Amino acid sequence: MSKELIARLRKNREVRVTVGKFVFIAHRPTDVEVLQIRRNDDAYTSIAMDFVHGWEGVVEDDIIGGGGTDVVAFTSDLWREWVADHTEYWEPITDAVLAAYRAHTGIVGEAAKN
């Protein structure tokens, strides 16, 4: 039962970010992660690298140019290598992740008032 609840908690934190033709699947930070982000000087890049855990429709040609059209399975290592050279993804991903956190804290704050 606890594994199911953990999976549901993680699913509730999911954030889908569309950048151009790509959909990246990230997660809203927890309060603990936000504390770590605030202490981190390179938080802007680390959010894009660390909070994405999936994608949709990315093919080999998107990653290496001149590659095939087969959909590529997401791995954290591949993501980190790819996004390191694609600064155009950092801002929209970071903005969406942080907006999801702000929305969450607003909901929690409103619930606490009632």
Protein backbone atom coordinates (compact mmCIF):
# COMPACT_ATOMS: atom_id res chain seq x y z
CA MET A 1 0.00 0.00 0.00
CA SER A 2 2.76 2.51 0.85
CA LYS A 3 4.40 2.01 -2.57
CA GLU A 4 1.07 2.88 -4.18
CA LEU A 5 0.73 6.00 -2.05
CA ILE A 6 4.28 7.07 -2.89
CA ALA A 7 3.53 6.60 -6.59
CA ARG A 8 0.37 8.71 -6.23
CA LEU A 9 2.25 11.46 -4.39
CA ARG A 10 4.86 11.56 -7.16
CA LYS A 11 2.17 11.57 -9.85
CA ASN A 12 0.50 14.53 -8.11
CA ARG A 13 3.79 16.46 -8.36
CA GLU A 14 4.12 15.85 -12.10
CA VAL A 15 4.56 18.90 -14.33
CA ARG A 16 4.39 18.73 -18.11
CA VAL A 17 6.41 21.39 -19.91
CA THR A 18 6.02 21.99 -23.63
CA VAL A 19 9.01 23.62 -25.32
CA GLY A 20 8.59 23.82 -29.07
CA LYS A 21 7.68 20.35 -30.29
CA PHE A 22 8.89 18.65 -27.10
CA VAL A 23 7.02 17.68 -23.97
CA PHE A 24 9.25 17.25 -20.93
CA ILE A 25 7.91 15.60 -17.80
CA ALA A 26 9.24 17.08 -14.59
CA HIS A 27 8.16 17.20 -10.99
CA ARG A 28 7.21 20.00 -8.67
CA PRO A 29 9.79 20.37 -5.94
CA THR A 30 9.00 19.36 -2.41
CA ASP A 31 9.59 21.82 0.42
CA VAL A 32 12.87 20.06 1.18
CA GLU A 33 14.01 20.40 -2.44
CA VAL A 34 13.14 24.11 -2.44
CA LEU A 35 15.36 24.62 0.60
CA GLN A 36 18.19 22.91 -1.28
CA ILE A 37 17.53 25.01 -4.39
CA ARG A 38 17.73 28.21 -2.37
CA ARG A 39 21.17 27.18 -1.08
CA ASN A 40 22.47 26.29 -4.54
CA ASP A 41 24.22 28.91 -6.68
CA ASP A 42 23.56 27.01 -9.91
CA ALA A 43 19.90 26.32 -9.16
CA TYR A 44 18.76 27.63 -12.54
CA THR A 45 20.59 24.93 -14.48
CA SER A 46 20.18 22.25 -11.85
CA ILE A 47 16.37 22.51 -11.93
CA ALA A 48 16.34 21.80 -15.66
CA MET A 49 18.79 18.94 -15.23
CA ASP A 50 17.49 17.40 -12.02
CA PHE A 51 13.72 17.77 -12.13
CA VAL A 52 12.98 16.33 -15.57
CA HIS A 53 12.31 12.60 -15.46
CA GLY A 54 10.69 11.92 -18.80
CA TRP A 55 9.85 13.17 -22.26
CA GLU A 56 7.50 12.44 -25.11
CA GLY A 57 8.26 12.04 -28.77
CA VAL A 58 12.00 12.69 -28.68
CA VAL A 59 13.75 10.86 -31.50
CA GLU A 60 17.38 10.15 -32.21
CA ASP A 61 17.55 12.92 -34.82
CA ASP A 62 16.47 15.46 -32.18
CA ILE A 63 19.38 14.47 -29.99
CA ILE A 64 22.24 14.02 -32.42
CA GLY A 65 21.03 15.51 -35.69
CA GLY A 66 21.20 13.25 -38.69
CA GLY A 67 20.03 10.35 -36.54
CA GLY A 68 17.06 8.10 -37.01
CA THR A 69 13.39 8.69 -36.39
CA ASP A 70 13.03 6.05 -33.69
CA VAL A 71 11.66 7.35 -30.40
CA VAL A 72 14.40 7.38 -27.77
CA ALA A 73 13.73 6.14 -24.25
CA PHE A 74 14.42 8.70 -21.55
CA THR A 75 17.35 8.18 -19.22
CA SER A 76 18.68 10.70 -16.72
CA ASP A 77 22.21 10.40 -18.10
CA LEU A 78 21.10 11.04 -21.68
CA TRP A 79 18.92 13.96 -20.56
CA ARG A 80 21.76 15.60 -18.65
CA GLU A 81 24.12 15.31 -21.63
CA TRP A 82 21.55 16.68 -24.08
CA VAL A 83 20.18 19.54 -21.99
CA ALA A 84 23.68 20.72 -21.09
CA ASP A 85 23.95 22.01 -24.68
CA HIS A 86 20.37 23.30 -24.93
CA THR A 87 20.07 26.39 -22.81
CA GLU A 88 16.81 27.26 -24.59
CA TYR A 89 15.09 24.55 -22.47
CA TRP A 90 16.40 25.74 -19.09
CA GLU A 91 14.18 28.78 -18.62
CA PRO A 92 10.81 27.29 -19.62
CA ILE A 93 11.45 24.16 -17.56
CA THR A 94 12.66 26.11 -14.53
CA ASP A 95 9.76 28.56 -14.78
CA ALA A 96 7.19 25.74 -15.00
CA VAL A 97 8.69 23.79 -12.10
CA LEU A 98 8.84 26.85 -9.84
CA ALA A 99 5.33 27.96 -10.90
CA ALA A 100 4.03 24.52 -9.92
CA TYR A 101 5.64 24.92 -6.52
CA ARG A 102 4.16 28.39 -6.03
CA ALA A 103 0.72 27.08 -7.01
CA HIS A 104 1.09 24.20 -4.59
CA THR A 105 2.10 26.44 -1.69
CA GLY A 106 -0.86 28.69 -2.47
CA ILE A 107 -3.25 25.74 -2.29
CA VAL A 108 -1.70 24.52 0.94
CA GLY A 109 -1.82 28.02 2.41
CA GLU A 110 -5.48 28.44 1.52
CA ALA A 111 -6.35 25.05 3.01
CA ALA A 112 -4.58 26.00 6.24
CA LYS A 113 -6.72 29.15 6.51
CA ASN A 114 -9.96 27.18 6.37
